Amino acid sequence: MGLLNLAVYSIILAAGRGERLWPLTSTRPKPLLPLPGGDTLLSRVVKLLRGVVDGFIFVVGYLGDLVRWYVDNILGVPCYYVFQEVQRGTGDAVRLAFDRLPRGVDLVVVVYGDLMFDRGIVARVRECIEDGVNCVVGVWRDDPWNYGVLFVDGRGRLERVVEKPSREVVSGRSLVNAGVYVFRVDELSGVLDKLKPSIRGEYELTDALNMLASTGSVKVVGFEGFWADVGRPWDYLDSVRWLIESSLGGEQVVEGEVEPGARLVGPVYVGRNAVVRSYSVVEGP
């Protein structure tokens, strides 16, 4: 059992094609993009969450067999898999995952599998689990029109989420949807079946979130640490840079080979199978 004797599972959404990261995702799904130190986006999320949940359900699609092999052989966590054959949205993905949810699960932690965040977000998730209520994590952004903006009432409850609003609707620094949720299973299951296709023809998890918000049952918890939605190459590079800076603390870690005449500048991690050839210059991060 999880915290406070509640049964808690995590649903990881990892079915997307990651087309905006092409060609990096031409041979691997986006959640398996590598990170310094041997991790991937997916393994980092799983390792951060495994201390607060009892098991995982991975929703896979594009190159899903690779995700399944990776989880089974590298991560080795208790889990189930759901294959989303047709990409019909995040709401559909969670609805499919609910069909595999073990009996007796009280709460689900739903996380997009292409996120990068520091461990502080787990403390916020733990707080939501301890409260036993529906929660959405929010992060502050100066360009909120690129995200789903969270509108919050005076009690800290979600009023509604608006996807990529115009600058007339919202301007300046705002709280946006971090793609990390805690839901009561009984309450979320009641609204998933009511979802209708959006203007994109997909079933959106944010529509389910708005249904729950209409009853005042969704708590919003803010998060000030590092967070990135790894949707484009520069988001990936920013995440790698942050990870190197935060993990190395300005130092150089060499597990591979640096040939004579090569030069390392700044915080740099050289992996165990890497070789920096003579007269090369590697500048980090």
Protein backbone atom coordinates (compact mmCIF):
# COMPACT_ATOMS: atom_id res chain seq x y z
CA MET A 1 0.00 0.00 0.00
CA GLY A 2 1.08 3.58 -0.60
CA LEU A 3 0.95 6.54 1.74
CA LEU A 4 -1.64 6.49 4.55
CA ASN A 5 -2.62 2.94 3.56
CA LEU A 6 -4.04 4.19 0.27
CA ALA A 7 -3.45 2.09 -2.83
CA VAL A 8 -1.79 4.38 -5.37
CA TYR A 9 -0.82 3.66 -8.98
CA SER A 10 0.86 5.89 -11.53
CA ILE A 11 -0.30 6.12 -15.14
CA ILE A 12 2.53 7.19 -17.45
CA LEU A 13 1.43 8.48 -20.84
CA ALA A 14 4.11 7.41 -23.33
CA ALA A 15 2.30 6.74 -26.60
CA GLY A 16 3.04 9.88 -28.64
CA ARG A 17 5.20 10.07 -31.77
CA GLY A 18 7.24 13.11 -30.76
CA GLU A 19 7.19 14.50 -34.30
CA ARG A 20 8.51 17.93 -33.27
CA LEU A 21 11.70 16.21 -32.04
CA TRP A 22 12.34 14.44 -35.34
CA PRO A 23 14.85 12.97 -36.25
CA LEU A 24 15.77 12.31 -32.60
CA THR A 25 12.57 10.28 -32.31
CA SER A 26 12.85 8.48 -35.65
CA THR A 27 14.22 5.33 -34.00
CA ARG A 28 13.14 5.72 -30.38
CA PRO A 29 10.03 7.02 -28.62
CA LYS A 30 10.40 10.42 -26.98
CA PRO A 31 10.30 9.09 -23.37
CA LEU A 32 13.45 7.07 -24.13
CA LEU A 33 15.57 10.07 -25.12
CA PRO A 34 18.87 9.65 -23.26
CA LEU A 35 20.06 11.82 -20.39
CA PRO A 36 23.50 12.26 -18.81
CA GLY A 37 24.36 9.47 -16.39
CA GLY A 38 22.56 6.72 -18.28
CA ASP A 39 18.97 7.74 -17.54
CA THR A 40 16.17 8.54 -19.97
CA LEU A 41 13.24 10.92 -19.60
CA LEU A 42 11.09 7.93 -18.66
CA SER A 43 13.46 6.34 -16.17
CA ARG A 44 13.95 9.63 -14.37
CA VAL A 45 10.20 10.07 -13.90
CA VAL A 46 9.77 6.46 -12.76
CA LYS A 47 12.66 6.62 -10.28
CA LEU A 48 11.28 9.80 -8.73
CA LEU A 49 7.78 8.33 -8.35
CA ARG A 50 8.52 4.76 -7.31
CA GLY A 51 8.76 5.71 -3.63
CA VAL A 52 5.20 7.05 -3.50
CA VAL A 53 3.24 4.63 -5.72
CA ASP A 54 2.61 0.90 -5.60
CA GLY A 55 2.90 0.24 -9.32
CA PHE A 56 2.71 1.68 -12.81
CA ILE A 57 0.58 1.48 -15.92
CA PHE A 58 2.39 2.54 -19.08
CA VAL A 59 0.27 3.66 -22.01
CA VAL A 60 2.39 2.99 -25.09
CA GLY A 61 1.89 3.38 -28.82
CA TYR A 62 4.63 4.56 -31.17
CA LEU A 63 7.55 2.11 -30.85
CA GLY A 64 5.80 0.74 -27.80
CA ASP A 65 7.77 -2.51 -27.84
CA LEU A 66 10.93 -0.52 -27.10
CA VAL A 67 9.29 1.09 -24.08
CA ARG A 68 8.10 -2.28 -22.85
CA TRP A 69 11.56 -3.86 -23.27
CA TYR A 70 13.19 -0.92 -21.50
CA VAL A 71 10.84 -1.01 -18.52
CA ASP A 72 11.03 -4.80 -18.16
CA ASN A 73 14.80 -5.12 -18.55
CA ILE A 74 16.18 -1.84 -17.22
CA LEU A 75 13.69 -0.45 -14.70
CA GLY A 76 12.09 -3.63 -13.40
CA VAL A 77 9.11 -2.01 -11.67
CA PRO A 78 5.72 -3.67 -11.03
CA CYS A 79 3.58 -2.57 -13.95
CA TYR A 80 0.97 -3.19 -16.61
CA TYR A 81 0.95 -2.04 -20.23
CA VAL A 82 -1.81 -0.59 -22.38
CA PHE A 83 -1.36 -0.17 -26.13
CA GLN A 84 -3.09 2.87 -27.63
CA GLU A 85 -3.36 1.76 -31.25
CA VAL A 86 -4.91 5.00 -32.48
CA GLN A 87 -3.75 8.30 -31.00
CA ARG A 88 -7.11 9.60 -29.78
CA GLY A 89 -5.88 11.90 -27.04
CA THR A 90 -4.77 11.87 -23.42
CA GLY A 91 -8.28 11.34 -22.11
CA ASP A 92 -8.60 8.20 -24.20
CA ALA A 93 -5.18 7.03 -22.98
CA VAL A 94 -6.19 7.36 -19.33
CA ARG A 95 -9.52 5.68 -20.03
CA LEU A 96 -7.67 2.71 -21.55
CA ALA A 97 -5.36 2.59 -18.52
CA PHE A 98 -8.34 2.44 -16.18
CA ASP A 99 -9.33 -0.85 -17.80
CA ARG A 100 -6.05 -2.35 -16.48
CA LEU A 101 -6.14 -0.72 -13.07
CA PRO A 102 -6.04 -3.34 -10.28
CA ARG A 103 -9.04 -3.56 -7.99
CA GLY A 104 -8.88 -1.51 -4.84
CA VAL A 105 -6.71 1.34 -6.15
CA ASP A 106 -7.75 4.59 -4.48
CA LEU A 107 -5.65 7.20 -6.27
CA VAL A 108 -3.80 7.52 -9.57
CA VAL A 109 -0.85 9.78 -10.31
CA VAL A 110 -1.05 10.66 -14.00
CA VAL A 111 2.16 11.97 -15.58
CA TYR A 112 3.12 12.76 -19.16
CA GLY A 113 6.13 10.64 -20.05
CA ASP A 114 8.04 13.43 -21.81
CA LEU A 115 8.52 15.74 -18.84
CA MET A 116 11.68 16.73 -17.01
CA PHE A 117 11.41 18.02 -13.46
CA ASP A 118 13.34 18.00 -10.22
CA ARG A 119 12.45 15.92 -7.20
CA GLY A 120 10.61 18.81 -5.57
CA ILE A 121 7.56 17.98 -7.65
CA VAL A 122 7.38 14.60 -5.92
CA ALA A 123 6.95 16.39 -2.60
CA ARG A 124 3.93 18.16 -4.07
CA VAL A 125 2.56 14.84 -5.34
CA ARG A 126 3.07 13.31 -1.91
CA GLU A 127 1.17 16.22 -0.38
CA CYS A 128 -1.75 15.59 -2.73
CA ILE A 129 -1.77 11.88 -1.93
CA GLU A 130 -1.80 12.60 1.79
CA ASP A 131 -4.77 14.94 1.29
CA GLY A 132 -6.54 12.23 -0.72
CA VAL A 133 -8.04 14.75 -3.14
CA ASN A 134 -7.86 15.54 -6.85
CA CYS A 135 -4.85 17.75 -7.58
CA VAL A 136 -3.07 19.34 -10.51
CA VAL A 137 0.48 20.66 -10.25
CA GLY A 138 1.08 24.11 -11.69
CA VAL A 139 4.31 25.86 -12.69
CA TRP A 140 4.87 29.54 -13.37
CA ARG A 141 5.65 30.65 -16.93
CA ASP A 142 6.24 34.03 -18.57
CA ASP A 143 4.75 32.79 -21.87
CA PRO A 144 1.53 31.15 -20.64
CA TRP A 145 -0.12 31.30 -24.08
CA ASN A 146 2.07 28.32 -25.05
CA TYR A 147 0.57 26.11 -22.32
CA GLY A 148 -2.66 25.21 -20.58
CA VAL A 149 -3.32 28.05 -18.14
CA LEU A 150 -4.78 27.26 -14.72
CA PHE A 151 -7.39 29.66 -13.37
CA VAL A 152 -7.58 29.32 -9.59
CA ASP A 153 -10.12 30.63 -7.08
CA GLY A 154 -9.39 32.17 -3.69
CA ARG A 155 -9.44 28.77 -1.99
CA GLY A 156 -6.71 27.36 -4.22
CA ARG A 157 -9.21 25.30 -6.20
CA LEU A 158 -9.15 25.00 -9.96
CA GLU A 159 -11.86 26.97 -11.74
CA ARG A 160 -10.87 25.88 -15.25
CA VAL A 161 -7.91 25.17 -17.49
CA VAL A 162 -7.70 26.94 -20.85
CA GLU A 163 -5.42 25.46 -23.49
CA LYS A 164 -3.06 27.97 -25.16
CA PRO A 165 -5.23 31.05 -24.61
CA SER A 166 -4.76 34.21 -26.65
CA ARG A 167 -2.73 37.08 -25.23
CA GLU A 168 -5.97 38.99 -24.79
CA VAL A 169 -7.17 36.33 -22.35
CA VAL A 170 -3.95 36.05 -20.35
CA SER A 171 -0.78 38.09 -20.29
CA GLY A 172 2.33 38.06 -18.18
CA ARG A 173 3.50 35.45 -15.71
CA SER A 174 0.82 32.83 -15.06
CA LEU A 175 0.35 29.40 -13.53
CA VAL A 176 0.25 26.67 -16.18
CA ASN A 177 -0.54 22.96 -16.20
CA ALA A 178 2.58 20.89 -15.44
CA GLY A 179 1.10 17.63 -16.75
CA VAL A 180 1.27 16.01 -13.30
CA TYR A 181 -2.00 15.05 -11.63
CA VAL A 182 -3.39 13.12 -8.68
CA PHE A 183 -6.93 11.83 -9.12
CA ARG A 184 -9.36 9.92 -6.96
CA VAL A 185 -10.19 6.84 -9.01
CA ASP A 186 -13.89 6.90 -8.19
CA GLU A 187 -14.27 10.54 -9.24
CA LEU A 188 -12.15 10.47 -12.40
CA SER A 189 -13.79 7.29 -13.70
CA GLY A 190 -17.14 9.04 -13.44
CA VAL A 191 -16.12 11.78 -15.88
CA LEU A 192 -13.94 9.82 -18.31
CA ASP A 193 -17.01 8.11 -19.73
CA LYS A 194 -18.58 11.52 -20.39
CA LEU A 195 -15.75 12.82 -22.57
CA LYS A 196 -16.59 13.95 -26.07
CA PRO A 197 -14.16 14.57 -28.94
CA SER A 198 -12.56 18.01 -28.92
CA ILE A 199 -12.22 20.27 -31.93
CA ARG A 200 -9.09 18.25 -32.76
CA GLY A 201 -11.14 15.06 -32.76
CA GLU A 202 -9.41 13.80 -29.61
CA TYR A 203 -10.53 12.97 -26.08
CA GLU A 204 -8.70 15.43 -23.83
CA LEU A 205 -7.71 14.78 -20.23
CA THR A 206 -8.03 18.52 -19.61
CA ASP A 207 -11.74 18.26 -20.46
CA ALA A 208 -12.09 15.68 -17.68
CA LEU A 209 -10.14 18.03 -15.42
CA ASN A 210 -12.57 20.85 -16.20
CA MET A 211 -15.53 18.60 -15.41
CA LEU A 212 -14.07 17.87 -11.99
CA ALA A 213 -13.18 21.53 -11.52
CA SER A 214 -16.82 22.50 -12.03
CA THR A 215 -17.60 20.75 -8.73
CA GLY A 216 -14.78 22.54 -6.89
CA SER A 217 -12.99 19.25 -6.24
CA VAL A 218 -9.56 19.94 -7.80
CA LYS A 219 -6.79 21.43 -5.69
CA VAL A 220 -3.99 23.36 -7.40
CA VAL A 221 -0.49 23.06 -5.97
CA GLY A 222 2.23 25.36 -7.25
CA PHE A 223 5.79 24.27 -7.94
CA GLU A 224 8.82 26.58 -8.21
CA GLY A 225 11.57 24.14 -9.21
CA PHE A 226 12.85 23.04 -12.60
CA TRP A 227 10.24 21.79 -15.05
CA ALA A 228 10.27 21.33 -18.81
CA ASP A 229 7.85 19.94 -21.36
CA VAL A 230 10.33 18.28 -23.72
CA GLY A 231 8.46 18.94 -26.93
CA ARG A 232 11.14 20.51 -29.10
CA PRO A 233 14.91 20.11 -29.52
CA TRP A 234 15.73 23.23 -27.50
CA ASP A 235 13.58 21.94 -24.60
CA TYR A 236 15.62 18.74 -24.66
CA LEU A 237 18.90 20.67 -24.68
CA ASP A 238 17.73 22.91 -21.81
CA SER A 239 16.83 19.81 -19.80
CA VAL A 240 20.20 18.17 -20.42
CA ARG A 241 21.98 21.41 -19.51
CA TRP A 242 20.01 21.73 -16.27
CA LEU A 243 20.68 18.11 -15.33
CA ILE A 244 24.42 18.49 -15.88
CA GLU A 245 24.58 21.73 -13.90
CA SER A 246 22.50 20.41 -11.01
CA SER A 247 24.15 16.99 -10.77
CA LEU A 248 27.78 17.98 -11.35
CA GLY A 249 27.76 21.18 -9.33
CA GLY A 250 30.25 22.82 -11.69
CA GLU A 251 32.64 19.86 -11.62
CA GLN A 252 33.88 17.51 -14.32
CA VAL A 253 33.11 13.81 -14.08
CA VAL A 254 35.05 11.50 -16.38
CA GLU A 255 34.06 7.84 -16.55
CA GLY A 256 35.24 7.33 -20.11
CA GLU A 257 38.48 8.24 -21.86
CA VAL A 258 39.94 11.69 -22.50
CA GLU A 259 42.94 11.47 -24.82
CA PRO A 260 46.04 13.64 -24.30
CA GLY A 261 45.60 17.07 -25.81
CA ALA A 262 41.83 17.09 -25.40
CA ARG A 263 40.33 19.86 -23.28
CA LEU A 264 37.25 19.92 -21.07
CA VAL A 265 35.78 23.31 -20.17
CA GLY A 266 33.16 23.85 -17.48
CA PRO A 267 30.88 21.16 -15.99
CA VAL A 268 31.18 18.14 -18.28
CA TYR A 269 30.17 14.51 -17.89
CA VAL A 270 32.04 11.96 -20.01
CA GLY A 271 30.20 8.63 -19.98
CA ARG A 272 31.92 5.31 -19.48
CA ASN A 273 31.74 4.36 -23.16
CA ALA A 274 32.68 7.79 -24.49
CA VAL A 275 36.04 8.87 -25.91
CA VAL A 276 37.12 12.50 -26.26
CA ARG A 277 39.77 12.51 -28.97
CA SER A 278 43.03 14.47 -28.88
CA TYR A 279 42.75 18.20 -29.60
CA SER A 280 38.99 18.17 -29.13
CA VAL A 281 37.38 20.82 -26.93
CA VAL A 282 34.21 19.92 -25.01
CA GLU A 283 32.54 22.86 -23.29
CA GLY A 284 29.73 22.29 -20.81
CA PRO A 285 27.02 22.38 -20.04
